[in-house]
PDB file of N, CA and C in Angstrom:
ATOM      1  N   MET A   1    -116.589 170.255 164.358  1.00  0.00           N
ATOM      2  CA  MET A   1    -116.526 171.609 164.811  1.00  0.00           C
ATOM      3  C   MET A   1    -115.750 171.678 166.073  1.00  0.00           C
ATOM      4  N   THR A   2    -114.739 172.422 166.091  1.00  0.00           N
ATOM      5  CA  THR A   2    -114.085 172.632 167.350  1.00  0.00           C
ATOM      6  C   THR A   2    -114.666 173.692 168.198  1.00  0.00           C
ATOM      7  N   PHE A   3    -114.848 173.518 169.448  1.00  0.00           N
ATOM      8  CA  PHE A   3    -115.466 174.469 170.402  1.00  0.00           C
ATOM      9  C   PHE A   3    -114.390 174.920 171.419  1.00  0.00           C
ATOM     10  N   THR A   4    -114.578 176.196 171.517  1.00  0.00           N
ATOM     11  CA  THR A   4    -113.617 177.023 172.423  1.00  0.00           C
ATOM     12  C   THR A   4    -114.588 177.620 173.605  1.00  0.00           C
ATOM     13  N   LYS A   5    -114.005 177.926 174.571  1.00  0.00           N
ATOM     14  CA  LYS A   5    -114.751 178.699 175.696  1.00  0.00           C
ATOM     15  C   LYS A   5    -115.483 179.778 175.201  1.00  0.00           C
ATOM     16  N   SER A   6    -116.730 179.872 175.113  1.00  0.00           N
ATOM     17  CA  SER A   6    -117.533 181.037 174.924  1.00  0.00           C
ATOM     18  C   SER A   6    -118.845 181.166 175.611  1.00  0.00           C
ATOM     19  N   VAL A   7    -119.532 182.191 175.140  1.00  0.00           N
ATOM     20  CA  VAL A   7    -120.812 182.246 175.656  1.00  0.00           C
ATOM     21  C   VAL A   7    -121.888 181.000 175.322  1.00  0.00           C
ATOM     22  N   ASP A   8    -121.605 180.444 174.126  1.00  0.00           N
ATOM     23  CA  ASP A   8    -122.261 179.233 173.713  1.00  0.00           C
ATOM     24  C   ASP A   8    -121.999 178.116 174.580  1.00  0.00           C
ATOM     25  N   GLN A   9    -120.822 177.789 175.225  1.00  0.00           N
ATOM     26  CA  GLN A   9    -120.755 176.705 176.048  1.00  0.00           C
ATOM     27  C   GLN A   9    -121.442 177.023 177.070  1.00  0.00           C
ATOM     28  N   THR A  10    -121.358 178.217 177.708  1.00  0.00           N
ATOM     29  CA  THR A  10    -122.007 178.570 179.074  1.00  0.00           C
ATOM     30  C   THR A  10    -123.668 178.281 178.695  1.00  0.00           C
ATOM     31  N   THR A  11    -124.151 178.702 177.708  1.00  0.00           N
ATOM     32  CA  THR A  11    -125.417 178.459 177.408  1.00  0.00           C
ATOM     33  C   THR A  11    -125.887 177.111 177.360  1.00  0.00           C
ATOM     34  N   ILE A  12    -124.973 176.217 176.627  1.00  0.00           N
ATOM     35  CA  ILE A  12    -125.249 174.863 176.710  1.00  0.00           C
ATOM     36  C   ILE A  12    -125.212 174.144 177.976  1.00  0.00           C
ATOM     37  N   LEU A  13    -124.422 174.578 178.665  1.00  0.00           N
ATOM     38  CA  LEU A  13    -124.220 173.964 180.199  1.00  0.00           C
ATOM     39  C   LEU A  13    -125.079 174.524 181.217  1.00  0.00           C
ATOM     40  N   GLN A  14    -125.950 175.497 180.920  1.00  0.00           N
ATOM     41  CA  GLN A  14    -126.778 176.275 181.801  1.00  0.00           C
ATOM     42  C   GLN A  14    -127.619 175.202 182.500  1.00  0.00           C
ATOM     43  N   GLY A  15    -128.254 174.426 181.728  1.00  0.00           N
ATOM     44  CA  GLY A  15    -129.124 173.425 182.519  1.00  0.00           C
ATOM     45  C   GLY A  15    -128.640 172.501 183.422  1.00  0.00           C
ATOM     46  N   ASP A  16    -127.404 172.156 183.224  1.00  0.00           N
ATOM     47  CA  ASP A  16    -126.715 171.085 183.876  1.00  0.00           C
ATOM     48  C   ASP A  16    -125.707 171.782 185.028  1.00  0.00           C
ATOM     49  N   ARG A  17    -125.562 172.993 185.020  1.00  0.00           N
ATOM     50  CA  ARG A  17    -124.657 173.650 185.928  1.00  0.00           C
ATOM     51  C   ARG A  17    -124.686 173.341 187.411  1.00  0.00           C
ATOM     52  N   THR A  18    -126.027 173.224 187.808  1.00  0.00           N
ATOM     53  CA  THR A  18    -126.498 172.870 189.239  1.00  0.00           C
ATOM     54  C   THR A  18    -126.124 171.457 189.588  1.00  0.00           C
ATOM     55  N   LYS A  19    -126.164 170.430 188.717  1.00  0.00           N
ATOM     56  CA  LYS A  19    -125.867 169.190 188.650  1.00  0.00           C
ATOM     57  C   LYS A  19    -124.362 169.047 188.793  1.00  0.00           C
ATOM     58  N   LEU A  20    -123.695 169.795 187.925  1.00  0.00           N
ATOM     59  CA  LEU A  20    -122.132 169.658 188.097  1.00  0.00           C
ATOM     60  C   LEU A  20    -121.607 170.318 189.229  1.00  0.00           C
ATOM     61  N   LYS A  21    -122.262 171.485 189.709  1.00  0.00           N
ATOM     62  CA  LYS A  21    -121.796 171.994 190.873  1.00  0.00           C
ATOM     63  C   LYS A  21    -121.996 171.010 192.118  1.00  0.00           C
ATOM     64  N   ASP A  22    -123.150 170.394 192.195  1.00  0.00           N
ATOM     65  CA  ASP A  22    -123.460 169.270 193.200  1.00  0.00           C
ATOM     66  C   ASP A  22    -122.569 168.318 193.173  1.00  0.00           C
ATOM     67  N   LEU A  23    -122.309 167.639 191.948  1.00  0.00           N
ATOM     68  CA  LEU A  23    -121.206 166.645 191.886  1.00  0.00           C
ATOM     69  C   LEU A  23    -119.800 167.125 192.441  1.00  0.00           C
ATOM     70  N   LEU A  24    -119.362 168.310 191.979  1.00  0.00           N
ATOM     71  CA  LEU A  24    -118.074 168.814 192.396  1.00  0.00           C
ATOM     72  C   LEU A  24    -118.099 168.998 193.917  1.00  0.00           C
ATOM     73  N   ARG A  25    -119.024 169.553 194.433  1.00  0.00           N
ATOM     74  CA  ARG A  25    -119.067 169.866 195.945  1.00  0.00           C
ATOM     75  C   ARG A  25    -118.905 168.318 196.868  1.00  0.00           C
ATOM     76  N   LEU A  26    -119.852 167.426 196.055  1.00  0.00           N
ATOM     77  CA  LEU A  26    -119.706 166.068 196.806  1.00  0.00           C
ATOM     78  C   LEU A  26    -118.354 165.527 196.621  1.00  0.00           C
ATOM     79  N   ARG A  27    -117.659 165.498 195.506  1.00  0.00           N
ATOM     80  CA  ARG A  27    -116.440 164.870 195.438  1.00  0.00           C
ATOM     81  C   ARG A  27    -115.399 165.708 196.415  1.00  0.00           C
ATOM     82  N   LEU A  28    -115.481 166.907 196.419  1.00  0.00           N
ATOM     83  CA  LEU A  28    -114.578 167.687 197.169  1.00  0.00           C
ATOM     84  C   LEU A  28    -114.444 167.383 198.566  1.00  0.00           C
ATOM     85  N   ASN A  29    -115.910 167.383 199.013  1.00  0.00           N
ATOM     86  CA  ASN A  29    -116.136 166.963 200.567  1.00  0.00           C
ATOM     87  C   ASN A  29    -115.581 165.532 200.787  1.00  0.00           C
ATOM     88  N   ALA A  30    -115.832 164.521 199.959  1.00  0.00           N
ATOM     89  CA  ALA A  30    -115.549 163.202 200.108  1.00  0.00           C
ATOM     90  C   ALA A  30    -114.118 162.834 200.224  1.00  0.00           C
ATOM     91  N   CYS A  31    -113.347 163.745 199.404  1.00  0.00           N
ATOM     92  CA  CYS A  31    -111.809 163.589 199.449  1.00  0.00           C
ATOM     93  C   CYS A  31    -111.028 164.427 200.465  1.00  0.00           C
ATOM     94  N   GLY A  32    -111.956 165.312 201.369  1.00  0.00           N
ATOM     95  CA  GLY A  32    -111.392 166.086 202.378  1.00  0.00           C
ATOM     96  C   GLY A  32    -110.846 167.415 202.088  1.00  0.00           C
ATOM     97  N   TRP A  33    -111.123 167.896 200.722  1.00  0.00           N
ATOM     98  CA  TRP A  33    -110.561 169.041 200.327  1.00  0.00           C
ATOM     99  C   TRP A  33    -111.116 170.243 201.056  1.00  0.00           C
ATOM    100  N   SER A  34    -112.456 170.249 201.353  1.00  0.00           N
ATOM    101  CA  SER A  34    -113.076 171.142 202.100  1.00  0.00           C
ATOM    102  C   SER A  34    -112.359 171.517 203.389  1.00  0.00           C
ATOM    103  N   ASP A  35    -112.043 170.386 204.223  1.00  0.00           N
ATOM    104  CA  ASP A  35    -111.468 170.599 205.397  1.00  0.00           C
ATOM    105  C   ASP A  35    -109.849 170.920 205.274  1.00  0.00           C
ATOM    106  N   GLN A  36    -109.263 170.790 204.188  1.00  0.00           N
ATOM    107  CA  GLN A  36    -107.983 171.385 204.018  1.00  0.00           C
ATOM    108  C   GLN A  36    -107.975 172.838 203.664  1.00  0.00           C
ATOM    109  N   VAL A  37    -108.917 173.267 202.891  1.00  0.00           N
ATOM    110  CA  VAL A  37    -109.250 174.648 202.571  1.00  0.00           C
ATOM    111  C   VAL A  37    -109.698 175.413 203.901  1.00  0.00           C
ATOM    112  N   ARG A  38    -110.346 174.850 204.615  1.00  0.00           N
ATOM    113  CA  ARG A  38    -110.844 175.386 206.039  1.00  0.00           C
ATOM    114  C   ARG A  38    -109.381 175.733 206.842  1.00  0.00           C
ATOM    115  N   LEU A  39    -108.723 174.753 206.910  1.00  0.00           N
ATOM    116  CA  LEU A  39    -107.307 174.797 207.534  1.00  0.00           C
ATOM    117  C   LEU A  39    -106.230 175.898 206.886  1.00  0.00           C
ATOM    118  N   LEU A  40    -106.481 175.912 205.708  1.00  0.00           N
ATOM    119  CA  LEU A  40    -105.567 176.970 204.949  1.00  0.00           C
ATOM    120  C   LEU A  40    -106.101 178.379 205.520  1.00  0.00           C
ATOM    121  N   CYS A  41    -107.530 178.512 205.495  1.00  0.00           N
ATOM    122  CA  CYS A  41    -108.117 179.848 205.948  1.00  0.00           C
ATOM    123  C   CYS A  41    -107.788 180.086 207.322  1.00  0.00           C
ATOM    124  N   ARG A  42    -107.637 179.237 208.144  1.00  0.00           N
ATOM    125  CA  ARG A  42    -107.331 179.337 209.604  1.00  0.00           C
ATOM    126  C   ARG A  42    -105.895 179.774 209.773  1.00  0.00           C
ATOM    127  N   ASP A  43    -104.989 179.106 208.812  1.00  0.00           N
ATOM    128  CA  ASP A  43    -103.552 179.563 208.954  1.00  0.00           C
ATOM    129  C   ASP A  43    -103.351 181.008 208.354  1.00  0.00           C
ATOM    130  N   ALA A  44    -104.062 181.323 207.360  1.00  0.00           N
ATOM    131  CA  ALA A  44    -103.921 182.660 206.818  1.00  0.00           C
ATOM    132  C   ALA A  44    -104.310 183.674 207.770  1.00  0.00           C
ATOM    133  N   ILE A  45    -105.448 183.329 208.542  1.00  0.00           N
ATOM    134  CA  ILE A  45    -105.878 184.266 209.552  1.00  0.00           C
ATOM    135  C   ILE A  45    -104.844 184.548 210.663  1.00  0.00           C
ATOM    136  N   LYS A  46    -104.256 183.331 211.165  1.00  0.00           N
ATOM    137  CA  LYS A  46    -103.435 183.303 212.121  1.00  0.00           C
ATOM    138  C   LYS A  46    -101.956 184.051 211.738  1.00  0.00           C
ATOM    139  N   ASP A  47    -101.727 183.927 210.410  1.00  0.00           N
ATOM    140  CA  ASP A  47    -100.455 184.495 209.971  1.00  0.00           C
ATOM    141  C   ASP A  47    -100.556 186.196 209.924  1.00  0.00           C
ATOM    142  N   THR A  48    -101.746 186.643 210.260  1.00  0.00           N
ATOM    143  CA  THR A  48    -101.847 188.207 210.241  1.00  0.00           C
ATOM    144  C   THR A  48    -101.283 188.581 211.461  1.00  0.00           C
ATOM    145  N   ASP A  49    -101.058 187.902 212.543  1.00  0.00           N
ATOM    146  CA  ASP A  49    -100.375 188.306 213.836  1.00  0.00           C
ATOM    147  C   ASP A  49    -101.295 189.341 214.441  1.00  0.00           C
ATOM    148  N   GLY A  50    -102.581 188.920 214.415  1.00  0.00           N
ATOM    149  CA  GLY A  50    -103.713 189.822 215.203  1.00  0.00           C
ATOM    150  C   GLY A  50    -104.167 190.925 214.359  1.00  0.00           C
ATOM    151  N   GLY A  51    -103.501 190.952 213.087  1.00  0.00           N
ATOM    152  CA  GLY A  51    -103.999 192.218 212.374  1.00  0.00           C
ATOM    153  C   GLY A  51    -105.335 191.754 211.694  1.00  0.00           C
ATOM    154  N   ALA A  52    -106.110 192.649 211.170  1.00  0.00           N
ATOM    155  CA  ALA A  52    -107.339 192.320 210.442  1.00  0.00           C
ATOM    156  C   ALA A  52    -107.143 191.786 209.098  1.00  0.00           C
ATOM    157  N   ILE A  53    -107.843 190.861 208.604  1.00  0.00           N
ATOM    158  CA  ILE A  53    -107.755 190.476 207.406  1.00  0.00           C
ATOM    159  C   ILE A  53    -109.203 190.463 206.677  1.00  0.00           C
ATOM    160  N   ASN A  54    -109.365 191.095 205.629  1.00  0.00           N
ATOM    161  CA  ASN A  54    -110.715 191.090 205.049  1.00  0.00           C
ATOM    162  C   ASN A  54    -110.914 189.847 204.166  1.00  0.00           C
ATOM    163  N   CYS A  55    -112.188 189.686 203.713  1.00  0.00           N
ATOM    164  CA  CYS A  55    -112.577 188.513 203.040  1.00  0.00           C
ATOM    165  C   CYS A  55    -111.992 188.616 201.626  1.00  0.00           C
ATOM    166  N   ASP A  56    -111.840 189.522 201.023  1.00  0.00           N
ATOM    167  CA  ASP A  56    -111.117 189.585 199.524  1.00  0.00           C
ATOM    168  C   ASP A  56    -109.794 189.112 199.743  1.00  0.00           C
ATOM    169  N   SER A  57    -109.037 189.627 200.617  1.00  0.00           N
ATOM    170  CA  SER A  57    -107.528 189.391 200.631  1.00  0.00           C
ATOM    171  C   SER A  57    -107.539 187.828 201.097  1.00  0.00           C
ATOM    172  N   LEU A  58    -108.300 187.371 202.116  1.00  0.00           N
ATOM    173  CA  LEU A  58    -108.248 185.891 202.414  1.00  0.00           C
ATOM    174  C   LEU A  58    -108.423 185.047 201.058  1.00  0.00           C
ATOM    175  N   VAL A  59    -109.436 185.283 200.461  1.00  0.00           N
ATOM    176  CA  VAL A  59    -109.893 184.586 199.126  1.00  0.00           C
ATOM    177  C   VAL A  59    -108.714 184.638 198.124  1.00  0.00           C
ATOM    178  N   GLN A  60    -108.071 185.857 197.976  1.00  0.00           N
ATOM    179  CA  GLN A  60    -106.998 186.035 197.061  1.00  0.00           C
ATOM    180  C   GLN A  60    -105.684 185.139 197.563  1.00  0.00           C
ATOM    181  N   GLN A  61    -105.609 185.196 198.869  1.00  0.00           N
ATOM    182  CA  GLN A  61    -104.347 184.228 199.382  1.00  0.00           C
ATOM    183  C   GLN A  61    -104.583 182.931 199.267  1.00  0.00           C
ATOM    184  N   VAL A  62    -105.870 182.352 199.522  1.00  0.00           N
ATOM    185  CA  VAL A  62    -106.029 181.009 199.740  1.00  0.00           C
ATOM    186  C   VAL A  62    -106.386 180.292 198.482  1.00  0.00           C
ATOM    187  N   THR A  63    -107.004 181.061 197.567  1.00  0.00           N
ATOM    188  CA  THR A  63    -107.576 180.466 196.247  1.00  0.00           C
ATOM    189  C   THR A  63    -106.476 179.688 195.395  1.00  0.00           C
ATOM    190  N   PRO A  64    -105.223 180.286 195.172  1.00  0.00           N
ATOM    191  CA  PRO A  64    -104.357 179.366 194.431  1.00  0.00           C
ATOM    192  C   PRO A  64    -103.917 178.072 195.151  1.00  0.00           C
ATOM    193  N   LYS A  65    -103.716 178.074 196.460  1.00  0.00           N
ATOM    194  CA  LYS A  65    -103.408 176.955 197.081  1.00  0.00           C
ATOM    195  C   LYS A  65    -104.542 175.874 197.234  1.00  0.00           C
ATOM    196  N   ALA A  66    -105.903 176.475 197.343  1.00  0.00           N
ATOM    197  CA  ALA A  66    -106.984 175.546 197.306  1.00  0.00           C
ATOM    198  C   ALA A  66    -107.242 174.842 195.857  1.00  0.00           C
ATOM    199  N   ARG A  67    -106.990 175.536 194.788  1.00  0.00           N
ATOM    200  CA  ARG A  67    -107.151 175.060 193.553  1.00  0.00           C
ATOM    201  C   ARG A  67    -105.971 173.924 193.224  1.00  0.00           C
ATOM    202  N   ALA A  68    -104.806 174.241 193.706  1.00  0.00           N
ATOM    203  CA  ALA A  68    -103.875 173.085 193.682  1.00  0.00           C
ATOM    204  C   ALA A  68    -104.039 171.934 194.514  1.00  0.00           C
ATOM    205  N   LEU A  69    -104.895 171.960 195.469  1.00  0.00           N
ATOM    206  CA  LEU A  69    -105.305 170.986 196.278  1.00  0.00           C
ATOM    207  C   LEU A  69    -106.322 170.060 195.622  1.00  0.00           C
ATOM    208  N   ILE A  70    -107.076 170.321 194.609  1.00  0.00           N
ATOM    209  CA  ILE A  70    -108.033 169.609 194.087  1.00  0.00           C
ATOM    210  C   ILE A  70    -107.418 168.411 193.258  1.00  0.00           C
ATOM    211  N   PRO A  71    -107.863 167.174 193.711  1.00  0.00           N
ATOM    212  CA  PRO A  71    -107.291 165.969 193.085  1.00  0.00           C
ATOM    213  C   PRO A  71    -107.567 165.901 191.558  1.00  0.00           C
ATOM    214  N   ASP A  72    -106.546 165.351 190.946  1.00  0.00           N
ATOM    215  CA  ASP A  72    -106.754 165.210 189.346  1.00  0.00           C
ATOM    216  C   ASP A  72    -107.830 164.367 189.071  1.00  0.00           C
ATOM    217  N   THR A  73    -108.115 163.368 189.928  1.00  0.00           N
ATOM    218  CA  THR A  73    -109.187 162.401 189.615  1.00  0.00           C
ATOM    219  C   THR A  73    -110.658 163.265 189.573  1.00  0.00           C
ATOM    220  N   VAL A  74    -110.669 164.116 190.557  1.00  0.00           N
ATOM    221  CA  VAL A  74    -111.995 165.084 190.493  1.00  0.00           C
ATOM    222  C   VAL A  74    -112.026 165.975 189.089  1.00  0.00           C
ATOM    223  N   LYS A  75    -110.812 166.510 188.728  1.00  0.00           N
ATOM    224  CA  LYS A  75    -110.802 167.418 187.730  1.00  0.00           C
ATOM    225  C   LYS A  75    -111.177 166.667 186.480  1.00  0.00           C
ATOM    226  N   LYS A  76    -110.690 165.374 186.296  1.00  0.00           N
ATOM    227  CA  LYS A  76    -110.831 164.580 185.108  1.00  0.00           C
ATOM    228  C   LYS A  76    -112.240 164.094 185.041  1.00  0.00           C
ATOM    229  N   GLU A  77    -112.977 163.775 186.234  1.00  0.00           N
ATOM    230  CA  GLU A  77    -114.143 163.360 186.286  1.00  0.00           C
ATOM    231  C   GLU A  77    -115.284 164.443 185.817  1.00  0.00           C
ATOM    232  N   LEU A  78    -114.860 165.567 186.407  1.00  0.00           N
ATOM    233  CA  LEU A  78    -115.851 166.668 186.061  1.00  0.00           C
ATOM    234  C   LEU A  78    -115.703 167.069 184.493  1.00  0.00           C
ATOM    235  N   LEU A  79    -114.432 167.135 184.075  1.00  0.00           N
ATOM    236  CA  LEU A  79    -114.046 167.396 182.662  1.00  0.00           C
ATOM    237  C   LEU A  79    -114.995 166.367 181.735  1.00  0.00           C
ATOM    238  N   GLN A  80    -114.928 165.118 182.091  1.00  0.00           N
ATOM    239  CA  GLN A  80    -115.437 164.125 181.256  1.00  0.00           C
ATOM    240  C   GLN A  80    -117.016 164.440 181.264  1.00  0.00           C
ATOM    241  N   LYS A  81    -117.453 164.683 182.488  1.00  0.00           N
ATOM    242  CA  LYS A  81    -119.042 164.989 182.598  1.00  0.00           C
ATOM    243  C   LYS A  81    -119.390 166.096 181.570  1.00  0.00           C
ATOM    244  N   ILE A  82    -118.545 167.218 181.598  1.00  0.00           N
ATOM    245  CA  ILE A  82    -118.748 168.391 180.784  1.00  0.00           C
ATOM    246  C   ILE A  82    -118.775 167.923 179.202  1.00  0.00           C
ATOM    247  N   LYS A  83    -117.683 167.146 178.882  1.00  0.00           N
ATOM    248  CA  LYS A  83    -117.638 166.844 177.530  1.00  0.00           C
ATOM    249  C   LYS A  83    -118.970 165.950 177.084  1.00  0.00           C
ATOM    250  N   THR A  84    -119.170 164.925 178.134  1.00  0.00           N
ATOM    251  CA  THR A  84    -120.492 164.280 177.784  1.00  0.00           C
ATOM    252  C   THR A  84    -121.770 165.010 177.381  1.00  0.00           C
ATOM    253  N   ILE A  85    -122.024 165.966 178.327  1.00  0.00           N
ATOM    254  CA  ILE A  85    -122.976 166.784 178.223  1.00  0.00           C
ATOM    255  C   ILE A  85    -123.024 167.445 176.928  1.00  0.00           C
ATOM    256  N   LEU A  86    -121.913 168.243 176.533  1.00  0.00           N
ATOM    257  CA  LEU A  86    -121.609 168.790 175.308  1.00  0.00           C
ATOM    258  C   LEU A  86    -121.906 167.946 174.190  1.00  0.00           C
ATOM    259  N   ILE A  87    -121.400 166.776 174.139  1.00  0.00           N
ATOM    260  CA  ILE A  87    -121.693 165.942 173.160  1.00  0.00           C
ATOM    261  C   ILE A  87    -123.101 165.427 172.986  1.00  0.00           C
ATOM    262  N   GLN A  88    -123.852 165.298 174.124  1.00  0.00           N
ATOM    263  CA  GLN A  88    -125.125 164.847 174.085  1.00  0.00           C
ATOM    264  C   GLN A  88    -126.067 165.979 173.673  1.00  0.00           C
ATOM    265  N   GLN A  89    -125.706 167.160 173.998  1.00  0.00           N
ATOM    266  CA  GLN A  89    -126.521 168.334 173.687  1.00  0.00           C
ATOM    267  C   GLN A  89    -126.430 168.826 172.240  1.00  0.00           C
ATOM    268  N   GLU A  90    -125.262 168.951 171.893  1.00  0.00           N
ATOM    269  CA  GLU A  90    -124.896 169.381 170.570  1.00  0.00           C
ATOM    270  C   GLU A  90    -124.335 168.642 169.479  1.00  0.00           C
ATOM    271  N   GLY A  91    -123.905 167.508 169.922  1.00  0.00           N
ATOM    272  CA  GLY A  91    -123.181 166.583 168.991  1.00  0.00           C
ATOM    273  C   GLY A  91    -121.816 167.253 168.696  1.00  0.00           C
ATOM    274  N   ILE A  92    -121.208 168.006 169.689  1.00  0.00           N
ATOM    275  CA  ILE A  92    -119.997 168.659 169.396  1.00  0.00           C
ATOM    276  C   ILE A  92    -118.936 167.582 169.449  1.00  0.00           C
ATOM    277  N   ASP A  93    -118.001 167.728 168.463  1.00  0.00           N
ATOM    278  CA  ASP A  93    -116.758 166.875 168.407  1.00  0.00           C
ATOM    279  C   ASP A  93    -115.614 167.200 169.199  1.00  0.00           C
ATOM    280  N   ILE A  94    -115.376 166.839 170.362  1.00  0.00           N
ATOM    281  CA  ILE A  94    -114.289 167.124 171.237  1.00  0.00           C
ATOM    282  C   ILE A  94    -113.104 166.215 171.186  1.00  0.00           C
TER     283      ILE A  94
END
């Protein structure tokens, strides 16, 4: 059975969501990603030339750059963990 992104996937992963988020947070902190994103935010705020920047526009500006900074090894590890969980819980062929 081929599995696509759906409500079913979210339901299956619900119990492991916290574990996955904790693992992701740990890996991102270990590789210095959090510090890099913090610097991106500071730069974005400085670039406003004293003008006000709201949280939504800061997130919109920084998010694409922050996503690009996530190391491939972290992405691959998290994807493998998700696949393993899906296979264990549902016997899904991925």
